[in-house]
Amino acid sequence: MRTRYVWRDGKMVQIEIAHPGAEPKIQIVPDIGGYKSMADGSWISSRSQHREHLKRHNCFEVGNEMPKPREITAPSREQRIKRLREQLWNMTDKQADKILAELRSQPRR
């Protein structure tokens, strides 16, 4: 039986996978129903055939792929200045006056 752990208060702690007091039971997952391949028209009738077929035709199931981590980089000073200028250019005078009033009311750092 698998054991699951989480990190709590600087320690690895074992957690219950099922509800407390639940007895472990066998879970039987049925095989997949057959389907006709869209890649070559062959009939696929089992999970093992499905996996082999995906590998053979360089395919993958949509939704099961792992997302690639995106690297977030801070914009350069020039990019920030350009973006601020664009935002100021698109503001109405009333919006700009409101922001300036808020900035003037804040204590200086």
PDB file of N, CA and C in Angstrom:
ATOM      1  N   MET A   1       0.835  -1.179   0.000  1.00  0.00           N
ATOM      2  CA  MET A   1       0.000   0.000   0.000  1.00  0.00           C
ATOM      3  C   MET A   1       0.880   1.242   0.000  1.00  0.00           C
ATOM      4  N   ARG A   2       0.459   2.252  -0.764  1.00  0.00           N
ATOM      5  CA  ARG A   2       1.225   3.481  -0.851  1.00  0.00           C
ATOM      6  C   ARG A   2       1.055   4.345   0.387  1.00  0.00           C
ATOM      7  N   THR A   3       2.107   5.036   0.738  1.00  0.00           N
ATOM      8  CA  THR A   3       2.053   5.963   1.855  1.00  0.00           C
ATOM      9  C   THR A   3       2.308   7.352   1.308  1.00  0.00           C
ATOM     10  N   ARG A   4       1.606   8.342   1.830  1.00  0.00           N
ATOM     11  CA  ARG A   4       1.738   9.701   1.329  1.00  0.00           C
ATOM     12  C   ARG A   4       2.198  10.607   2.464  1.00  0.00           C
ATOM     13  N   TYR A   5       3.082  11.550   2.138  1.00  0.00           N
ATOM     14  CA  TYR A   5       3.628  12.461   3.125  1.00  0.00           C
ATOM     15  C   TYR A   5       3.453  13.905   2.660  1.00  0.00           C
ATOM     16  N   VAL A   6       3.380  14.814   3.618  1.00  0.00           N
ATOM     17  CA  VAL A   6       3.383  16.246   3.344  1.00  0.00           C
ATOM     18  C   VAL A   6       4.384  16.908   4.275  1.00  0.00           C
ATOM     19  N   TRP A   7       4.823  18.097   3.901  1.00  0.00           N
ATOM     20  CA  TRP A   7       5.783  18.856   4.689  1.00  0.00           C
ATOM     21  C   TRP A   7       5.008  19.816   5.585  1.00  0.00           C
ATOM     22  N   ARG A   8       5.094  19.624   6.911  1.00  0.00           N
ATOM     23  CA  ARG A   8       4.405  20.494   7.862  1.00  0.00           C
ATOM     24  C   ARG A   8       5.348  20.853   8.993  1.00  0.00           C
ATOM     25  N   ASP A   9       5.438  22.137   9.258  1.00  0.00           N
ATOM     26  CA  ASP A   9       6.256  22.643  10.368  1.00  0.00           C
ATOM     27  C   ASP A   9       7.681  22.101  10.325  1.00  0.00           C
ATOM     28  N   GLY A  10       8.250  22.036   9.133  1.00  0.00           N
ATOM     29  CA  GLY A  10       9.629  21.603   8.983  1.00  0.00           C
ATOM     30  C   GLY A  10       9.844  20.107   9.092  1.00  0.00           C
ATOM     31  N   LYS A  11       8.778  19.311   9.064  1.00  0.00           N
ATOM     32  CA  LYS A  11       8.901  17.855   9.167  1.00  0.00           C
ATOM     33  C   LYS A  11       8.047  17.188   8.101  1.00  0.00           C
ATOM     34  N   MET A  12       8.468  15.980   7.702  1.00  0.00           N
ATOM     35  CA  MET A  12       7.657  15.161   6.813  1.00  0.00           C
ATOM     36  C   MET A  12       6.654  14.411   7.665  1.00  0.00           C
ATOM     37  N   VAL A  13       5.360  14.548   7.372  1.00  0.00           N
ATOM     38  CA  VAL A  13       4.302  13.935   8.165  1.00  0.00           C
ATOM     39  C   VAL A  13       3.487  13.012   7.271  1.00  0.00           C
ATOM     40  N   GLN A  14       3.275  11.785   7.737  1.00  0.00           N
ATOM     41  CA  GLN A  14       2.460  10.834   6.978  1.00  0.00           C
ATOM     42  C   GLN A  14       0.998  11.248   7.083  1.00  0.00           C
ATOM     43  N   ILE A  15       0.287  11.208   5.948  1.00  0.00           N
ATOM     44  CA  ILE A  15      -1.134  11.552   5.974  1.00  0.00           C
ATOM     45  C   ILE A  15      -1.955  10.373   5.496  1.00  0.00           C
ATOM     46  N   GLU A  16      -3.201  10.367   5.887  1.00  0.00           N
ATOM     47  CA  GLU A  16      -4.126   9.318   5.482  1.00  0.00           C
ATOM     48  C   GLU A  16      -4.608   9.637   4.078  1.00  0.00           C
ATOM     49  N   ILE A  17      -4.584   8.657   3.192  1.00  0.00           N
ATOM     50  CA  ILE A  17      -5.091   8.866   1.843  1.00  0.00           C
ATOM     51  C   ILE A  17      -6.614   8.757   1.847  1.00  0.00           C
ATOM     52  N   ALA A  18      -7.156   7.773   2.542  1.00  0.00           N
ATOM     53  CA  ALA A  18      -8.601   7.593   2.636  1.00  0.00           C
ATOM     54  C   ALA A  18      -9.110   8.320   3.861  1.00  0.00           C
ATOM     55  N   HIS A  19     -10.401   8.309   4.044  1.00  0.00           N
ATOM     56  CA  HIS A  19     -10.996   8.914   5.223  1.00  0.00           C
ATOM     57  C   HIS A  19     -10.563   8.126   6.458  1.00  0.00           C
ATOM     58  N   PRO A  20     -10.425   8.797   7.595  1.00  0.00           N
ATOM     59  CA  PRO A  20     -10.036   8.076   8.810  1.00  0.00           C
ATOM     60  C   PRO A  20     -11.033   6.959   9.111  1.00  0.00           C
ATOM     61  N   GLY A  21     -10.519   5.790   9.435  1.00  0.00           N
ATOM     62  CA  GLY A  21     -11.360   4.659   9.755  1.00  0.00           C
ATOM     63  C   GLY A  21     -11.792   3.843   8.556  1.00  0.00           C
ATOM     64  N   ALA A  22     -11.503   4.329   7.347  1.00  0.00           N
ATOM     65  CA  ALA A  22     -11.889   3.579   6.149  1.00  0.00           C
ATOM     66  C   ALA A  22     -10.951   2.396   5.975  1.00  0.00           C
ATOM     67  N   GLU A  23     -11.510   1.282   5.578  1.00  0.00           N
ATOM     68  CA  GLU A  23     -10.697   0.090   5.367  1.00  0.00           C
ATOM     69  C   GLU A  23     -10.129   0.100   3.948  1.00  0.00           C
ATOM     70  N   PRO A  24      -8.865  -0.329   3.794  1.00  0.00           N
ATOM     71  CA  PRO A  24      -8.326  -0.404   2.436  1.00  0.00           C
ATOM     72  C   PRO A  24      -9.071  -1.458   1.621  1.00  0.00           C
ATOM     73  N   LYS A  25      -9.384  -1.127   0.375  1.00  0.00           N
ATOM     74  CA  LYS A  25     -10.107  -2.044  -0.497  1.00  0.00           C
ATOM     75  C   LYS A  25      -9.411  -2.110  -1.840  1.00  0.00           C
ATOM     76  N   ILE A  26      -9.676  -3.175  -2.551  1.00  0.00           N
ATOM     77  CA  ILE A  26      -9.131  -3.338  -3.895  1.00  0.00           C
ATOM     78  C   ILE A  26      -9.987  -2.532  -4.859  1.00  0.00           C
ATOM     79  N   GLN A  27      -9.326  -1.798  -5.732  1.00  0.00           N
ATOM     80  CA  GLN A  27     -10.048  -1.039  -6.746  1.00  0.00           C
ATOM     81  C   GLN A  27      -9.699  -1.617  -8.106  1.00  0.00           C
ATOM     82  N   ILE A  28     -10.698  -2.017  -8.838  1.00  0.00           N
ATOM     83  CA  ILE A  28     -10.476  -2.602 -10.158  1.00  0.00           C
ATOM     84  C   ILE A  28     -10.921  -1.594 -11.207  1.00  0.00           C
ATOM     85  N   VAL A  29      -9.998  -1.238 -12.081  1.00  0.00           N
ATOM     86  CA  VAL A  29     -10.294  -0.293 -13.150  1.00  0.00           C
ATOM     87  C   VAL A  29     -10.449  -1.092 -14.438  1.00  0.00           C
ATOM     88  N   PRO A  30     -11.591  -0.987 -15.097  1.00  0.00           N
ATOM     89  CA  PRO A  30     -11.789  -1.766 -16.317  1.00  0.00           C
ATOM     90  C   PRO A  30     -10.899  -1.273 -17.448  1.00  0.00           C
ATOM     91  N   ASP A  31     -10.639  -2.145 -18.403  1.00  0.00           N
ATOM     92  CA  ASP A  31      -9.862  -1.773 -19.573  1.00  0.00           C
ATOM     93  C   ASP A  31     -10.671  -0.783 -20.407  1.00  0.00           C
ATOM     94  N   ILE A  32     -10.002  -0.066 -21.278  1.00  0.00           N
ATOM     95  CA  ILE A  32     -10.694   0.928 -22.096  1.00  0.00           C
ATOM     96  C   ILE A  32     -11.559   0.236 -23.142  1.00  0.00           C
ATOM     97  N   GLY A  33     -12.603   0.903 -23.572  1.00  0.00           N
ATOM     98  CA  GLY A  33     -13.412   0.389 -24.666  1.00  0.00           C
ATOM     99  C   GLY A  33     -12.630   0.557 -25.962  1.00  0.00           C
ATOM    100  N   GLY A  34     -12.911  -0.264 -26.943  1.00  0.00           N
ATOM    101  CA  GLY A  34     -12.183  -0.161 -28.198  1.00  0.00           C
ATOM    102  C   GLY A  34     -12.518   1.110 -28.963  1.00  0.00           C
ATOM    103  N   TYR A  35     -11.584   1.541 -29.792  1.00  0.00           N
ATOM    104  CA  TYR A  35     -11.820   2.706 -30.644  1.00  0.00           C
ATOM    105  C   TYR A  35     -10.996   2.578 -31.917  1.00  0.00           C
ATOM    106  N   LYS A  36     -11.397   3.298 -32.941  1.00  0.00           N
ATOM    107  CA  LYS A  36     -10.688   3.303 -34.219  1.00  0.00           C
ATOM    108  C   LYS A  36      -9.687   4.453 -34.204  1.00  0.00           C
ATOM    109  N   SER A  37      -8.444   4.137 -34.522  1.00  0.00           N
ATOM    110  CA  SER A  37      -7.381   5.135 -34.506  1.00  0.00           C
ATOM    111  C   SER A  37      -7.608   6.177 -35.592  1.00  0.00           C
ATOM    112  N   MET A  38      -7.423   7.428 -35.230  1.00  0.00           N
ATOM    113  CA  MET A  38      -7.510   8.493 -36.223  1.00  0.00           C
ATOM    114  C   MET A  38      -6.199   8.621 -36.990  1.00  0.00           C
ATOM    115  N   ALA A  39      -5.125   8.038 -36.462  1.00  0.00           N
ATOM    116  CA  ALA A  39      -3.825   8.135 -37.118  1.00  0.00           C
ATOM    117  C   ALA A  39      -3.719   7.179 -38.305  1.00  0.00           C
ATOM    118  N   ASP A  40      -4.162   5.923 -38.122  1.00  0.00           N
ATOM    119  CA  ASP A  40      -4.004   4.956 -39.210  1.00  0.00           C
ATOM    120  C   ASP A  40      -5.228   4.074 -39.448  1.00  0.00           C
ATOM    121  N   GLY A  41      -6.301   4.288 -38.688  1.00  0.00           N
ATOM    122  CA  GLY A  41      -7.519   3.522 -38.899  1.00  0.00           C
ATOM    123  C   GLY A  41      -7.545   2.156 -38.246  1.00  0.00           C
ATOM    124  N   SER A  42      -6.513   1.790 -37.507  1.00  0.00           N
ATOM    125  CA  SER A  42      -6.487   0.473 -36.860  1.00  0.00           C
ATOM    126  C   SER A  42      -7.392   0.475 -35.626  1.00  0.00           C
ATOM    127  N   TRP A  43      -7.788  -0.718 -35.170  1.00  0.00           N
ATOM    128  CA  TRP A  43      -8.649  -0.871 -34.006  1.00  0.00           C
ATOM    129  C   TRP A  43      -7.791  -1.032 -32.757  1.00  0.00           C
ATOM    130  N   ILE A  44      -8.015  -0.206 -31.755  1.00  0.00           N
ATOM    131  CA  ILE A  44      -7.281  -0.252 -30.485  1.00  0.00           C
ATOM    132  C   ILE A  44      -8.256  -0.751 -29.436  1.00  0.00           C
ATOM    133  N   SER A  45      -7.892  -1.861 -28.754  1.00  0.00           N
ATOM    134  CA  SER A  45      -8.845  -2.476 -27.824  1.00  0.00           C
ATOM    135  C   SER A  45      -8.326  -2.615 -26.394  1.00  0.00           C
ATOM    136  N   SER A  46      -7.129  -2.138 -26.097  1.00  0.00           N
ATOM    137  CA  SER A  46      -6.624  -2.251 -24.727  1.00  0.00           C
ATOM    138  C   SER A  46      -5.720  -1.064 -24.412  1.00  0.00           C
ATOM    139  N   ARG A  47      -5.475  -0.874 -23.124  1.00  0.00           N
ATOM    140  CA  ARG A  47      -4.596   0.226 -22.704  1.00  0.00           C
ATOM    141  C   ARG A  47      -3.174   0.034 -23.226  1.00  0.00           C
ATOM    142  N   SER A  48      -2.691  -1.203 -23.210  1.00  0.00           N
ATOM    143  CA  SER A  48      -1.331  -1.448 -23.697  1.00  0.00           C
ATOM    144  C   SER A  48      -1.233  -1.143 -25.190  1.00  0.00           C
ATOM    145  N   GLN A  49      -2.244  -1.525 -25.966  1.00  0.00           N
ATOM    146  CA  GLN A  49      -2.249  -1.188 -27.398  1.00  0.00           C
ATOM    147  C   GLN A  49      -2.306   0.332 -27.574  1.00  0.00           C
ATOM    148  N   HIS A  50      -3.097   0.986 -26.749  1.00  0.00           N
ATOM    149  CA  HIS A  50      -3.241   2.441 -26.811  1.00  0.00           C
ATOM    150  C   HIS A  50      -1.895   3.128 -26.576  1.00  0.00           C
ATOM    151  N   ARG A  51      -1.182   2.714 -25.512  1.00  0.00           N
ATOM    152  CA  ARG A  51       0.124   3.311 -25.208  1.00  0.00           C
ATOM    153  C   ARG A  51       1.110   3.070 -26.346  1.00  0.00           C
ATOM    154  N   GLU A  52       1.168   1.832 -26.854  1.00  0.00           N
ATOM    155  CA  GLU A  52       2.079   1.493 -27.942  1.00  0.00           C
ATOM    156  C   GLU A  52       1.728   2.295 -29.199  1.00  0.00           C
ATOM    157  N   HIS A  53       0.454   2.408 -29.482  1.00  0.00           N
ATOM    158  CA  HIS A  53       0.002   3.147 -30.663  1.00  0.00           C
ATOM    159  C   HIS A  53       0.415   4.622 -30.578  1.00  0.00           C
ATOM    160  N   LEU A  54       0.252   5.214 -29.393  1.00  0.00           N
ATOM    161  CA  LEU A  54       0.653   6.608 -29.216  1.00  0.00           C
ATOM    162  C   LEU A  54       2.147   6.783 -29.451  1.00  0.00           C
ATOM    163  N   LYS A  55       2.951   5.865 -28.907  1.00  0.00           N
ATOM    164  CA  LYS A  55       4.404   5.942 -29.094  1.00  0.00           C
ATOM    165  C   LYS A  55       4.781   5.770 -30.560  1.00  0.00           C
ATOM    166  N   ARG A  56       4.176   4.776 -31.205  1.00  0.00           N
ATOM    167  CA  ARG A  56       4.504   4.455 -32.595  1.00  0.00           C
ATOM    168  C   ARG A  56       4.210   5.630 -33.537  1.00  0.00           C
ATOM    169  N   HIS A  57       3.143   6.348 -33.253  1.00  0.00           N
ATOM    170  CA  HIS A  57       2.739   7.448 -34.134  1.00  0.00           C
ATOM    171  C   HIS A  57       3.125   8.820 -33.580  1.00  0.00           C
ATOM    172  N   ASN A  58       3.959   8.834 -32.552  1.00  0.00           N
ATOM    173  CA  ASN A  58       4.448  10.081 -31.950  1.00  0.00           C
ATOM    174  C   ASN A  58       3.279  11.001 -31.562  1.00  0.00           C
ATOM    175  N   CYS A  59       2.287  10.416 -30.895  1.00  0.00           N
ATOM    176  CA  CYS A  59       1.104  11.158 -30.452  1.00  0.00           C
ATOM    177  C   CYS A  59       1.091  11.244 -28.929  1.00  0.00           C
ATOM    178  N   PHE A  60       0.208  12.081 -28.405  1.00  0.00           N
ATOM    179  CA  PHE A  60       0.015  12.156 -26.962  1.00  0.00           C
ATOM    180  C   PHE A  60      -1.433  12.526 -26.694  1.00  0.00           C
ATOM    181  N   GLU A  61      -1.893  12.214 -25.498  1.00  0.00           N
ATOM    182  CA  GLU A  61      -3.251  12.546 -25.099  1.00  0.00           C
ATOM    183  C   GLU A  61      -3.294  14.007 -24.685  1.00  0.00           C
ATOM    184  N   VAL A  62      -4.216  14.743 -25.230  1.00  0.00           N
ATOM    185  CA  VAL A  62      -4.337  16.156 -24.904  1.00  0.00           C
ATOM    186  C   VAL A  62      -4.854  16.283 -23.482  1.00  0.00           C
ATOM    187  N   GLY A  63      -4.212  17.106 -22.697  1.00  0.00           N
ATOM    188  CA  GLY A  63      -4.609  17.300 -21.311  1.00  0.00           C
ATOM    189  C   GLY A  63      -3.738  16.527 -20.346  1.00  0.00           C
ATOM    190  N   ASN A  64      -2.955  15.572 -20.827  1.00  0.00           N
ATOM    191  CA  ASN A  64      -2.089  14.791 -19.953  1.00  0.00           C
ATOM    192  C   ASN A  64      -0.645  15.269 -20.000  1.00  0.00           C
ATOM    193  N   GLU A  65      -0.323  16.168 -20.923  1.00  0.00           N
ATOM    194  CA  GLU A  65       1.053  16.630 -21.015  1.00  0.00           C
ATOM    195  C   GLU A  65       1.359  17.576 -19.851  1.00  0.00           C
ATOM    196  N   MET A  66       2.599  17.567 -19.421  1.00  0.00           N
ATOM    197  CA  MET A  66       3.015  18.422 -18.313  1.00  0.00           C
ATOM    198  C   MET A  66       3.269  19.830 -18.851  1.00  0.00           C
ATOM    199  N   PRO A  67       2.726  20.845 -18.182  1.00  0.00           N
ATOM    200  CA  PRO A  67       2.981  22.206 -18.638  1.00  0.00           C
ATOM    201  C   PRO A  67       4.450  22.564 -18.443  1.00  0.00           C
ATOM    202  N   LYS A  68       4.977  23.282 -19.402  1.00  0.00           N
ATOM    203  CA  LYS A  68       6.372  23.724 -19.299  1.00  0.00           C
ATOM    204  C   LYS A  68       6.416  24.954 -18.401  1.00  0.00           C
ATOM    205  N   PRO A  69       7.306  24.957 -17.419  1.00  0.00           N
ATOM    206  CA  PRO A  69       7.375  26.121 -16.534  1.00  0.00           C
ATOM    207  C   PRO A  69       7.828  27.352 -17.307  1.00  0.00           C
ATOM    208  N   ARG A  70       7.132  28.442 -17.065  1.00  0.00           N
ATOM    209  CA  ARG A  70       7.505  29.682 -17.742  1.00  0.00           C
ATOM    210  C   ARG A  70       8.483  30.450 -16.875  1.00  0.00           C
ATOM    211  N   GLU A  71       9.459  31.005 -17.520  1.00  0.00           N
ATOM    212  CA  GLU A  71      10.437  31.810 -16.794  1.00  0.00           C
ATOM    213  C   GLU A  71       9.971  33.253 -16.833  1.00  0.00           C
ATOM    214  N   ILE A  72       9.710  33.804 -15.665  1.00  0.00           N
ATOM    215  CA  ILE A  72       9.222  35.177 -15.580  1.00  0.00           C
ATOM    216  C   ILE A  72      10.402  36.083 -15.293  1.00  0.00           C
ATOM    217  N   THR A  73      10.613  37.021 -16.184  1.00  0.00           N
ATOM    218  CA  THR A  73      11.710  37.967 -16.005  1.00  0.00           C
ATOM    219  C   THR A  73      11.130  39.361 -15.818  1.00  0.00           C
ATOM    220  N   ALA A  74      11.764  40.128 -14.979  1.00  0.00           N
ATOM    221  CA  ALA A  74      11.318  41.498 -14.748  1.00  0.00           C
ATOM    222  C   ALA A  74      11.626  42.335 -15.988  1.00  0.00           C
ATOM    223  N   PRO A  75      10.718  43.239 -16.361  1.00  0.00           N
ATOM    224  CA  PRO A  75      10.988  44.082 -17.528  1.00  0.00           C
ATOM    225  C   PRO A  75      12.139  45.041 -17.239  1.00  0.00           C
ATOM    226  N   SER A  76      12.824  45.415 -18.273  1.00  0.00           N
ATOM    227  CA  SER A  76      13.945  46.349 -18.103  1.00  0.00           C
ATOM    228  C   SER A  76      13.405  47.737 -17.760  1.00  0.00           C
ATOM    229  N   ARG A  77      14.281  48.608 -17.342  1.00  0.00           N
ATOM    230  CA  ARG A  77      13.885  49.983 -16.987  1.00  0.00           C
ATOM    231  C   ARG A  77      13.252  50.670 -18.185  1.00  0.00           C
ATOM    232  N   GLU A  78      13.835  50.472 -19.365  1.00  0.00           N
ATOM    233  CA  GLU A  78      13.308  51.088 -20.585  1.00  0.00           C
ATOM    234  C   GLU A  78      11.914  50.563 -20.913  1.00  0.00           C
ATOM    235  N   GLN A  79      11.703  49.261 -20.710  1.00  0.00           N
ATOM    236  CA  GLN A  79      10.383  48.682 -20.979  1.00  0.00           C
ATOM    237  C   GLN A  79       9.337  49.232 -20.007  1.00  0.00           C
ATOM    238  N   ARG A  80       9.725  49.393 -18.731  1.00  0.00           N
ATOM    239  CA  ARG A  80       8.788  49.952 -17.744  1.00  0.00           C
ATOM    240  C   ARG A  80       8.421  51.392 -18.096  1.00  0.00           C
ATOM    241  N   ILE A  81       9.428  52.188 -18.484  1.00  0.00           N
ATOM    242  CA  ILE A  81       9.181  53.589 -18.850  1.00  0.00           C
ATOM    243  C   ILE A  81       8.261  53.649 -20.064  1.00  0.00           C
ATOM    244  N   LYS A  82       8.524  52.813 -21.050  1.00  0.00           N
ATOM    245  CA  LYS A  82       7.694  52.788 -22.263  1.00  0.00           C
ATOM    246  C   LYS A  82       6.250  52.437 -21.910  1.00  0.00           C
ATOM    247  N   ARG A  83       6.062  51.421 -21.055  1.00  0.00           N
ATOM    248  CA  ARG A  83       4.717  50.991 -20.674  1.00  0.00           C
ATOM    249  C   ARG A  83       3.995  52.086 -19.901  1.00  0.00           C
ATOM    250  N   LEU A  84       4.692  52.767 -18.989  1.00  0.00           N
ATOM    251  CA  LEU A  84       4.079  53.864 -18.237  1.00  0.00           C
ATOM    252  C   LEU A  84       3.670  55.014 -19.156  1.00  0.00           C
ATOM    253  N   ARG A  85       4.514  55.324 -20.122  1.00  0.00           N
ATOM    254  CA  ARG A  85       4.172  56.379 -21.080  1.00  0.00           C
ATOM    255  C   ARG A  85       2.921  56.018 -21.878  1.00  0.00           C
ATOM    256  N   GLU A  86       2.829  54.738 -22.287  1.00  0.00           N
ATOM    257  CA  GLU A  86       1.643  54.290 -23.028  1.00  0.00           C
ATOM    258  C   GLU A  86       0.393  54.425 -22.165  1.00  0.00           C
ATOM    259  N   GLN A  87       0.503  54.040 -20.888  1.00  0.00           N
ATOM    260  CA  GLN A  87      -0.648  54.130 -19.996  1.00  0.00           C
ATOM    261  C   GLN A  87      -1.051  55.579 -19.756  1.00  0.00           C
ATOM    262  N   LEU A  88      -0.063  56.452 -19.551  1.00  0.00           N
ATOM    263  CA  LEU A  88      -0.365  57.870 -19.344  1.00  0.00           C
ATOM    264  C   LEU A  88      -1.002  58.486 -20.591  1.00  0.00           C
ATOM    265  N   TRP A  89      -0.515  58.111 -21.749  1.00  0.00           N
ATOM    266  CA  TRP A  89      -1.031  58.645 -23.013  1.00  0.00           C
ATOM    267  C   TRP A  89      -2.511  58.277 -23.197  1.00  0.00           C
ATOM    268  N   ASN A  90      -2.899  57.083 -22.720  1.00  0.00           N
ATOM    269  CA  ASN A  90      -4.268  56.613 -22.894  1.00  0.00           C
ATOM    270  C   ASN A  90      -5.221  57.062 -21.788  1.00  0.00           C
ATOM    271  N   MET A  91      -4.718  57.785 -20.779  1.00  0.00           N
ATOM    272  CA  MET A  91      -5.552  58.242 -19.670  1.00  0.00           C
ATOM    273  C   MET A  91      -6.257  59.536 -20.018  1.00  0.00           C
ATOM    274  N   THR A  92      -7.418  59.715 -19.371  1.00  0.00           N
ATOM    275  CA  THR A  92      -8.080  61.015 -19.458  1.00  0.00           C
ATOM    276  C   THR A  92      -7.429  61.939 -18.433  1.00  0.00           C
ATOM    277  N   ASP A  93      -7.648  63.224 -18.573  1.00  0.00           N
ATOM    278  CA  ASP A  93      -7.093  64.182 -17.607  1.00  0.00           C
ATOM    279  C   ASP A  93      -7.629  63.908 -16.207  1.00  0.00           C
ATOM    280  N   LYS A  94      -8.894  63.520 -16.121  1.00  0.00           N
ATOM    281  CA  LYS A  94      -9.522  63.247 -14.821  1.00  0.00           C
ATOM    282  C   LYS A  94      -8.837  62.068 -14.142  1.00  0.00           C
ATOM    283  N   GLN A  95      -8.528  60.999 -14.907  1.00  0.00           N
ATOM    284  CA  GLN A  95      -7.851  59.827 -14.341  1.00  0.00           C
ATOM    285  C   GLN A  95      -6.448  60.192 -13.864  1.00  0.00           C
ATOM    286  N   ALA A  96      -5.730  60.971 -14.665  1.00  0.00           N
ATOM    287  CA  ALA A  96      -4.367  61.369 -14.294  1.00  0.00           C
ATOM    288  C   ALA A  96      -4.380  62.248 -13.052  1.00  0.00           C
ATOM    289  N   ASP A  97      -5.339  63.186 -12.971  1.00  0.00           N
ATOM    290  CA  ASP A  97      -5.436  64.058 -11.798  1.00  0.00           C
ATOM    291  C   ASP A  97      -5.721  63.257 -10.534  1.00  0.00           C
ATOM    292  N   LYS A  98      -6.574  62.229 -10.650  1.00  0.00           N
ATOM    293  CA  LYS A  98      -6.904  61.390  -9.498  1.00  0.00           C
ATOM    294  C   LYS A  98      -5.659  60.658  -8.992  1.00  0.00           C
ATOM    295  N   ILE A  99      -4.861  60.088  -9.909  1.00  0.00           N
ATOM    296  CA  ILE A  99      -3.633  59.371  -9.519  1.00  0.00           C
ATOM    297  C   ILE A  99      -2.631  60.324  -8.885  1.00  0.00           C
ATOM    298  N   LEU A 100      -2.468  61.502  -9.485  1.00  0.00           N
ATOM    299  CA  LEU A 100      -1.530  62.487  -8.922  1.00  0.00           C
ATOM    300  C   LEU A 100      -1.968  62.920  -7.520  1.00  0.00           C
ATOM    301  N   ALA A 101      -3.255  63.101  -7.314  1.00  0.00           N
ATOM    302  CA  ALA A 101      -3.755  63.487  -5.984  1.00  0.00           C
ATOM    303  C   ALA A 101      -3.464  62.393  -4.965  1.00  0.00           C
ATOM    304  N   GLU A 102      -3.651  61.123  -5.362  1.00  0.00           N
ATOM    305  CA  GLU A 102      -3.358  60.010  -4.449  1.00  0.00           C
ATOM    306  C   GLU A 102      -1.875  59.964  -4.116  1.00  0.00           C
ATOM    307  N   LEU A 103      -1.029  60.175  -5.119  1.00  0.00           N
ATOM    308  CA  LEU A 103       0.422  60.144  -4.884  1.00  0.00           C
ATOM    309  C   LEU A 103       0.856  61.292  -3.971  1.00  0.00           C
ATOM    310  N   ARG A 104       0.254  62.466  -4.168  1.00  0.00           N
ATOM    311  CA  ARG A 104       0.632  63.615  -3.337  1.00  0.00           C
ATOM    312  C   ARG A 104       0.184  63.432  -1.890  1.00  0.00           C
ATOM    313  N   SER A 105      -0.894  62.681  -1.659  1.00  0.00           N
ATOM    314  CA  SER A 105      -1.395  62.499  -0.298  1.00  0.00           C
ATOM    315  C   SER A 105      -0.599  61.459   0.480  1.00  0.00           C
ATOM    316  N   GLN A 106       0.174  60.648  -0.214  1.00  0.00           N
ATOM    317  CA  GLN A 106       0.986  59.621   0.459  1.00  0.00           C
ATOM    318  C   GLN A 106       2.256  60.229   1.010  1.00  0.00           C
ATOM    319  N   PRO A 107       2.688  59.751   2.200  1.00  0.00           N
ATOM    320  CA  PRO A 107       3.962  60.253   2.748  1.00  0.00           C
ATOM    321  C   PRO A 107       5.133  59.823   1.859  1.00  0.00           C
ATOM    322  N   ARG A 108       6.120  60.663   1.767  1.00  0.00           N
ATOM    323  CA  ARG A 108       7.300  60.344   0.957  1.00  0.00           C
ATOM    324  C   ARG A 108       8.143  59.297   1.643  1.00  0.00           C
ATOM    325  N   ARG A 109       8.781  58.465   0.849  1.00  0.00           N
ATOM    326  CA  ARG A 109       9.665  57.424   1.398  1.00  0.00           C
ATOM    327  C   ARG A 109      11.083  57.887   1.405  1.00  0.00           C
TER     328      ARG A 109
END
